[in-house]
Every structure is written in structure tokens, then in C-alpha cells.
Amino acid sequence: MPDGPTPEAGYTMGYNEEFRQLLDRRSAATHAAHLLPHLQPGMRVLDLGCGPGTISVGLADAVSPGELHGIDLEESQVAMARVAAEAGGHGNATFHAGDATDLPFEDGEFDVVHCHAVLMHIPDIAAALAEVGRVLRPGGLFAAREVIVDSCFLEPVEPEVAEAWNIFANLVEANGGYPQMGRELRRVLLDAGFADVQPSGSFGIFGTSEDVAFFHGFVVDWFFQPHIIAAAVQLGLATEEQFDFLRAGVDEWGAEAGAVGALAFGEAIAISP
């Protein structure tokens, strides 16, 4: 799969260094807080779309001496997750390369399945959720946290600059994804046969000067890459001149003394039938 989106690609974010740095800031404490109270020692947990394992290792700690299995479509992410587990002494964490719509596990193998910002990038979400239900034991827990793109924000910013969020959402849709999945979780999970769906929500806030500087750098380095711009222009989502305007606005935001940025997430805990 290429590093960036094309009209044929399935994963908008890609696997470049800029996005990896954002993933490195994730942890179970900050990004799976809705799930942690439900975990107990001895459980078997699957982290679906585990990426570089930064959330996975915290889940492994929470269920030790139980088992954590992480799975990701991208081999390079699996390799990084294995390094993270080894470096942290998480001997109960195992990582696999595989497809969320065809999981290499037995029926009822897990007590919990977790995913973070994964369902929004899977075109055949029904197939993925069917697999989640299959590998969960009856009564097992499924925990998801997904982005709500049109509730994310940079503040203060001109309304025209906020159009960048719409461009990103349209790129996700063009790649077969669901940019507002966090808002749709309860309905989607009920439609897939899950029960007792408990929705919640939270923001990932970039509110200190250091956080704002990091997020500004991420937006500049990721969103304004030539292949992102080319894909958006090819799809008719924006013009190159519009990207120039957006870049100037993002730079102005990053220089504001009171700047804050936020990623909005919908969350859900559900019970496997």
C-alpha cells in the first residue's frame, strides 16, 4: 500500500514518519480510557488495527498475566509493535499481520476486542464487525473509539481555513472510509448485532504551547505533502491555490498565543451476542 492516499488506496493516513510520530503519542491511559475499567487480569484481548503498539502495550499491562494480541494489515506497523512490546517487557503481547475482515483466530477466542480509529478506514465495515463478533466469546466486550472529523477544530482560525477538515473528510470518503464514524458507532454496532451499546465521547486536546507546536508540525508535514495535495486536486476536492491559503492559515493558527487544537472522538462499549 502506498504511503499516501490515491483514489484507489484504502488507508488515507499512510505509514509515513509524520503520522508515526502522532501514533507514538497514544497510550491506553489516554486513548482507551473508556475500556480500561472493564479489563481484568487474565483476560484475552485483541487490539484490532494495533499500529505501532503504543496502546496495545498498556492493554497488555491491564490484563497481565492474560494475553494481548495485536493485528495490523501493515507489516511495518507489526514490526514496530513487537519492538515496543519487547522494549517494555510485555511478554504477554503478541503481534500478527492480518486483515480485519478475515481474522486468523478461532471462534470465541477473546474476551475483549479493542480498536482505535480503525473502523473509519475499513470500506467493508460489516465484514469487519462480523469478524469481531465471531472471535469474541458470547458476552465478550467490543470497545471502539473513532474520529468525528467535522467536530475536530483548530481555534482560533478563520472559517475558510476550517475547510481543511472537510477536505480531509472527503479524502477519507474517497478511499472508502467513514470520516464521521465516531458519531455513528451506536447505530452501526446495533445494526451489526451487538447489544447494550454504551456510547461516550472525548477530545484529544493540543492545548499547551508544546502540544500546539507538535500538532502544527504534524498538520504541515502530513496534510501539505505533495501526494496529499495531488490526490485532493485529482479528486476535485480542492485546488492548489486553496492549499496555499490553508497553509498560511494553519501557520497563523500555530503562531497564536492562545491556540488550541482538538480531535473529536466517539466511543462505545458493546456486548457480543
Protein backbone atom coordinates (compact mmCIF):
# COMPACT_ATOMS: atom_id res chain seq x y z
CA MET A 1 0.00 0.00 0.00
CA PRO A 2 1.40 3.48 -0.84
CA ASP A 3 2.41 5.98 1.83
CA GLY A 4 -0.38 8.41 0.94
CA PRO A 5 -3.90 8.39 -0.42
CA THR A 6 -4.81 7.84 -4.04
CA PRO A 7 -8.26 7.26 -5.46
CA GLU A 8 -7.59 3.51 -5.22
CA ALA A 9 -6.00 3.43 -1.76
CA GLY A 10 -7.78 2.10 1.31
CA TYR A 11 -5.94 3.82 4.16
CA THR A 12 -5.88 7.58 3.97
CA MET A 13 -3.30 8.22 6.69
CA GLY A 14 -0.50 6.15 5.20
CA TYR A 15 2.57 4.97 7.12
CA ASN A 16 4.98 7.87 6.89
CA GLU A 17 7.12 9.29 9.68
CA GLU A 18 4.82 12.24 10.39
CA PHE A 19 1.87 10.00 11.17
CA ARG A 20 4.03 7.59 13.15
CA GLN A 21 5.02 10.45 15.46
CA LEU A 22 1.35 11.15 16.12
CA LEU A 23 0.71 7.48 16.88
CA ASP A 24 3.69 7.44 19.26
CA ARG A 25 1.83 9.90 21.49
CA ARG A 26 -1.02 7.46 22.05
CA SER A 27 -1.36 5.27 25.14
CA ALA A 28 -4.03 3.09 26.68
CA ALA A 29 -4.45 5.63 29.51
CA THR A 30 -5.19 8.50 27.13
CA HIS A 31 -6.78 6.74 24.16
CA ALA A 32 -8.56 3.71 25.66
CA ALA A 33 -9.71 5.21 28.96
CA HIS A 34 -13.30 4.13 28.25
CA LEU A 35 -12.16 0.49 28.12
CA LEU A 36 -9.63 0.24 30.97
CA PRO A 37 -12.20 -0.03 33.82
CA HIS A 38 -13.63 -3.12 32.13
CA LEU A 39 -10.33 -5.01 31.89
CA GLN A 40 -9.26 -7.64 34.42
CA PRO A 41 -6.11 -9.71 34.89
CA GLY A 42 -6.23 -12.94 32.91
CA MET A 43 -8.37 -11.67 30.04
CA ARG A 44 -7.51 -12.33 26.40
CA VAL A 45 -7.64 -9.11 24.38
CA LEU A 46 -7.38 -8.43 20.65
CA ASP A 47 -6.21 -4.98 19.56
CA LEU A 48 -7.60 -4.59 16.04
CA GLY A 49 -5.52 -2.28 13.83
CA CYS A 50 -2.86 -2.06 16.52
CA GLY A 51 -0.44 0.14 14.57
CA PRO A 52 2.92 0.52 16.35
CA GLY A 53 1.52 -0.94 19.57
CA THR A 54 1.55 2.17 21.74
CA ILE A 55 -1.99 1.48 23.00
CA SER A 56 -1.55 -2.29 22.88
CA VAL A 57 1.21 -2.43 25.48
CA GLY A 58 -0.96 -0.59 28.01
CA LEU A 59 -3.79 -3.05 27.40
CA ALA A 60 -1.31 -5.88 27.89
CA ASP A 61 -0.36 -4.43 31.28
CA ALA A 62 -4.02 -4.19 32.29
CA VAL A 63 -4.76 -7.88 31.64
CA SER A 64 -1.43 -9.43 32.67
CA PRO A 65 -0.93 -12.37 33.09
CA GLY A 66 -3.60 -12.62 30.40
CA GLU A 67 -2.79 -12.25 26.72
CA LEU A 68 -2.82 -9.30 24.34
CA HIS A 69 -2.85 -10.00 20.62
CA GLY A 70 -2.44 -7.11 18.20
CA ILE A 71 -3.15 -7.31 14.49
CA ASP A 72 -2.49 -4.84 11.70
CA LEU A 73 -2.63 -5.00 7.92
CA GLU A 74 0.77 -3.32 7.58
CA GLU A 75 3.88 -5.42 8.31
CA SER A 76 5.97 -2.38 9.26
CA GLN A 77 3.48 -1.46 12.00
CA VAL A 78 3.54 -5.01 13.35
CA ALA A 79 7.34 -4.92 13.46
CA MET A 80 7.28 -1.66 15.47
CA ALA A 81 4.70 -3.09 17.85
CA ARG A 82 6.91 -6.10 18.52
CA VAL A 83 9.84 -3.80 19.27
CA ALA A 84 7.68 -1.73 21.65
CA ALA A 85 6.49 -4.84 23.49
CA GLU A 86 9.99 -6.22 23.84
CA ALA A 87 11.41 -2.90 25.00
CA GLY A 88 8.72 -2.58 27.66
CA GLY A 89 9.00 -6.16 28.86
CA HIS A 90 5.46 -7.03 27.76
CA GLY A 91 5.95 -10.76 27.36
CA ASN A 92 2.20 -11.34 27.20
CA ALA A 93 1.82 -9.29 23.99
CA THR A 94 1.94 -10.96 20.57
CA PHE A 95 1.51 -9.22 17.23
CA HIS A 96 0.33 -10.50 13.86
CA ALA A 97 -0.06 -9.19 10.33
CA GLY A 98 -3.57 -9.73 9.04
CA ASP A 99 -6.83 -8.36 7.67
CA ALA A 100 -9.64 -7.14 9.93
CA THR A 101 -12.17 -8.72 7.57
CA ASP A 102 -10.52 -12.16 7.75
CA LEU A 103 -9.06 -12.58 11.24
CA PRO A 104 -6.68 -15.52 11.79
CA PHE A 105 -8.26 -16.56 15.10
CA GLU A 106 -10.70 -19.18 16.32
CA ASP A 107 -14.34 -18.51 17.15
CA GLY A 108 -14.83 -17.14 20.68
CA GLU A 109 -11.10 -16.79 21.30
CA PHE A 110 -11.18 -13.37 23.00
CA ASP A 111 -12.84 -11.75 26.00
CA VAL A 112 -12.32 -8.24 24.58
CA VAL A 113 -11.69 -6.70 21.17
CA HIS A 114 -10.48 -3.11 21.00
CA CYS A 115 -9.93 -0.73 18.10
CA HIS A 116 -8.96 2.92 17.85
CA ALA A 117 -9.63 5.00 14.69
CA VAL A 118 -9.78 1.80 12.63
CA LEU A 119 -13.40 1.23 11.60
CA MET A 120 -13.45 4.62 9.86
CA HIS A 121 -10.89 3.33 7.35
CA ILE A 122 -12.45 -0.08 6.55
CA PRO A 123 -14.71 0.01 3.46
CA ASP A 124 -16.42 -3.31 4.29
CA ILE A 125 -17.26 -2.43 7.87
CA ALA A 126 -19.99 -5.09 8.06
CA ALA A 127 -17.44 -7.81 7.32
CA ALA A 128 -15.04 -6.44 9.93
CA LEU A 129 -17.70 -6.29 12.63
CA ALA A 130 -18.88 -9.80 11.75
CA GLU A 131 -15.32 -10.99 12.36
CA VAL A 132 -15.16 -9.10 15.66
CA GLY A 133 -18.36 -10.83 16.77
CA ARG A 134 -17.02 -14.20 15.64
CA VAL A 135 -13.74 -14.06 17.58
CA LEU A 136 -15.40 -12.70 20.76
CA ARG A 137 -16.79 -15.15 23.26
CA PRO A 138 -20.54 -14.81 23.90
CA GLY A 139 -20.96 -11.83 26.21
CA GLY A 140 -17.49 -10.50 25.37
CA LEU A 141 -16.76 -6.79 25.08
CA PHE A 142 -16.07 -4.74 21.98
CA ALA A 143 -14.59 -1.28 22.57
CA ALA A 144 -14.20 1.27 19.78
CA ARG A 145 -13.02 4.88 19.65
CA GLU A 146 -13.47 6.61 16.31
CA VAL A 147 -12.92 10.11 14.97
CA ILE A 148 -15.73 12.59 14.28
CA VAL A 149 -13.94 14.74 11.72
CA ASP A 150 -16.49 17.54 11.49
CA SER A 151 -16.27 18.08 15.26
CA CYS A 152 -12.47 18.48 15.25
CA PHE A 153 -11.17 22.03 15.39
CA LEU A 154 -8.32 24.50 15.45
CA GLU A 155 -9.03 27.64 17.49
CA PRO A 156 -8.75 30.49 16.70
CA VAL A 157 -8.93 30.07 12.93
CA GLU A 158 -10.73 31.69 10.02
CA PRO A 159 -13.78 29.74 8.73
CA GLU A 160 -12.10 29.34 5.34
CA VAL A 161 -9.16 27.56 6.98
CA ALA A 162 -11.54 25.22 8.77
CA GLU A 163 -12.37 23.90 5.28
CA ALA A 164 -9.25 21.75 5.67
CA TRP A 165 -11.28 19.38 7.86
CA ASN A 166 -13.83 18.96 5.05
CA ILE A 167 -11.07 18.22 2.56
CA PHE A 168 -9.67 15.56 4.88
CA ALA A 169 -13.14 14.05 5.42
CA ASN A 170 -13.69 13.89 1.67
CA LEU A 171 -10.32 12.18 1.18
CA VAL A 172 -11.33 9.53 3.73
CA GLU A 173 -14.63 9.00 1.92
CA ALA A 174 -12.87 8.81 -1.45
CA ASN A 175 -10.74 6.00 -0.01
CA GLY A 176 -13.85 4.08 1.05
CA GLY A 177 -13.89 5.27 4.66
CA TYR A 178 -16.30 6.90 7.10
CA PRO A 179 -14.98 10.21 8.49
CA GLN A 180 -17.84 10.65 10.97
CA MET A 181 -17.74 7.05 12.28
CA GLY A 182 -17.41 8.21 15.90
CA ARG A 183 -20.88 9.74 15.69
CA GLU A 184 -22.37 6.64 14.07
CA LEU A 185 -20.95 3.97 16.39
CA ARG A 186 -24.08 3.15 18.37
CA ARG A 187 -26.24 2.64 15.28
CA VAL A 188 -23.52 0.74 13.42
CA LEU A 189 -22.88 -1.64 16.32
CA LEU A 190 -26.58 -2.28 16.95
CA ASP A 191 -27.06 -2.98 13.24
CA ALA A 192 -24.18 -5.49 13.45
CA GLY A 193 -25.95 -7.41 16.23
CA PHE A 194 -24.09 -6.11 19.29
CA ALA A 195 -26.09 -5.46 22.45
CA ASP A 196 -26.05 -2.99 25.35
CA VAL A 197 -24.10 -0.40 23.35
CA GLN A 198 -22.85 2.30 25.72
CA PRO A 199 -21.74 5.42 23.79
CA SER A 200 -19.47 8.14 25.13
CA GLY A 201 -17.13 10.74 23.72
CA SER A 202 -13.94 12.66 24.36
CA PHE A 203 -11.46 15.04 22.82
CA GLY A 204 -7.76 14.70 22.25
CA ILE A 205 -6.60 18.22 23.14
CA PHE A 206 -3.49 20.01 21.96
CA GLY A 207 -3.53 22.85 24.47
CA THR A 208 -0.01 23.59 25.65
CA SER A 209 2.50 25.54 23.60
CA GLU A 210 4.47 22.31 23.11
CA ASP A 211 1.36 20.40 22.01
CA VAL A 212 0.30 23.15 19.62
CA ALA A 213 3.80 23.23 18.10
CA PHE A 214 3.69 19.45 17.64
CA PHE A 215 0.22 19.43 16.08
CA HIS A 216 1.06 22.36 13.83
CA GLY A 217 4.12 20.45 12.63
CA PHE A 218 2.08 17.32 12.06
CA VAL A 219 -0.60 19.13 10.04
CA VAL A 220 2.03 20.89 7.92
CA ASP A 221 4.13 17.79 7.36
CA TRP A 222 1.20 15.44 6.66
CA PHE A 223 -1.67 17.44 5.15
CA PHE A 224 0.50 19.55 2.87
CA GLN A 225 2.55 16.70 1.42
CA PRO A 226 2.64 16.82 -2.39
CA HIS A 227 0.82 13.49 -2.78
CA ILE A 228 -1.99 14.60 -0.45
CA ILE A 229 -2.43 17.80 -2.40
CA ALA A 230 -2.26 15.90 -5.71
CA ALA A 231 -4.90 13.41 -4.58
CA ALA A 232 -7.25 16.17 -3.41
CA VAL A 233 -6.79 18.11 -6.64
CA GLN A 234 -7.25 14.98 -8.77
CA LEU A 235 -10.49 14.18 -6.94
CA GLY A 236 -11.74 17.74 -7.33
CA LEU A 237 -11.79 18.36 -3.57
CA ALA A 238 -9.57 21.47 -3.62
CA THR A 239 -7.23 23.50 -5.77
CA GLU A 240 -3.51 24.03 -5.28
CA GLU A 241 -4.25 27.70 -4.62
CA GLN A 242 -6.66 26.70 -1.86
CA PHE A 243 -3.95 24.60 -0.23
CA ASP A 244 -1.63 27.63 -0.30
CA PHE A 245 -4.32 29.63 1.50
CA LEU A 246 -4.90 26.85 4.01
CA ARG A 247 -1.18 26.55 4.72
CA ALA A 248 -0.93 30.26 5.52
CA GLY A 249 -3.93 29.99 7.83
CA VAL A 250 -2.56 26.96 9.66
CA ASP A 251 0.74 28.79 10.18
CA GLU A 252 -1.15 31.77 11.61
CA TRP A 253 -3.00 29.44 13.97
CA GLY A 254 0.23 27.84 15.17
CA ALA A 255 1.67 31.27 15.99
CA GLU A 256 -1.30 32.36 18.12
CA ALA A 257 -0.51 32.62 21.84
CA GLY A 258 -3.88 31.14 22.78
CA ALA A 259 -4.05 28.47 20.08
CA VAL A 260 -5.69 25.13 20.84
CA GLY A 261 -6.44 22.15 18.63
CA ALA A 262 -8.72 19.17 19.23
CA LEU A 263 -9.52 15.81 17.71
CA ALA A 264 -13.07 14.68 18.48
CA PHE A 265 -13.85 11.03 19.21
CA GLY A 266 -16.98 8.98 19.65
CA GLU A 267 -16.58 5.89 21.83
CA ALA A 268 -18.62 2.80 22.52
CA ILE A 269 -18.55 -0.32 24.66
CA ALA A 270 -20.75 -3.12 23.35
CA ILE A 271 -21.58 -6.72 24.22
CA SER A 272 -21.11 -9.56 21.78
CA PRO A 273 -24.30 -11.57 21.20
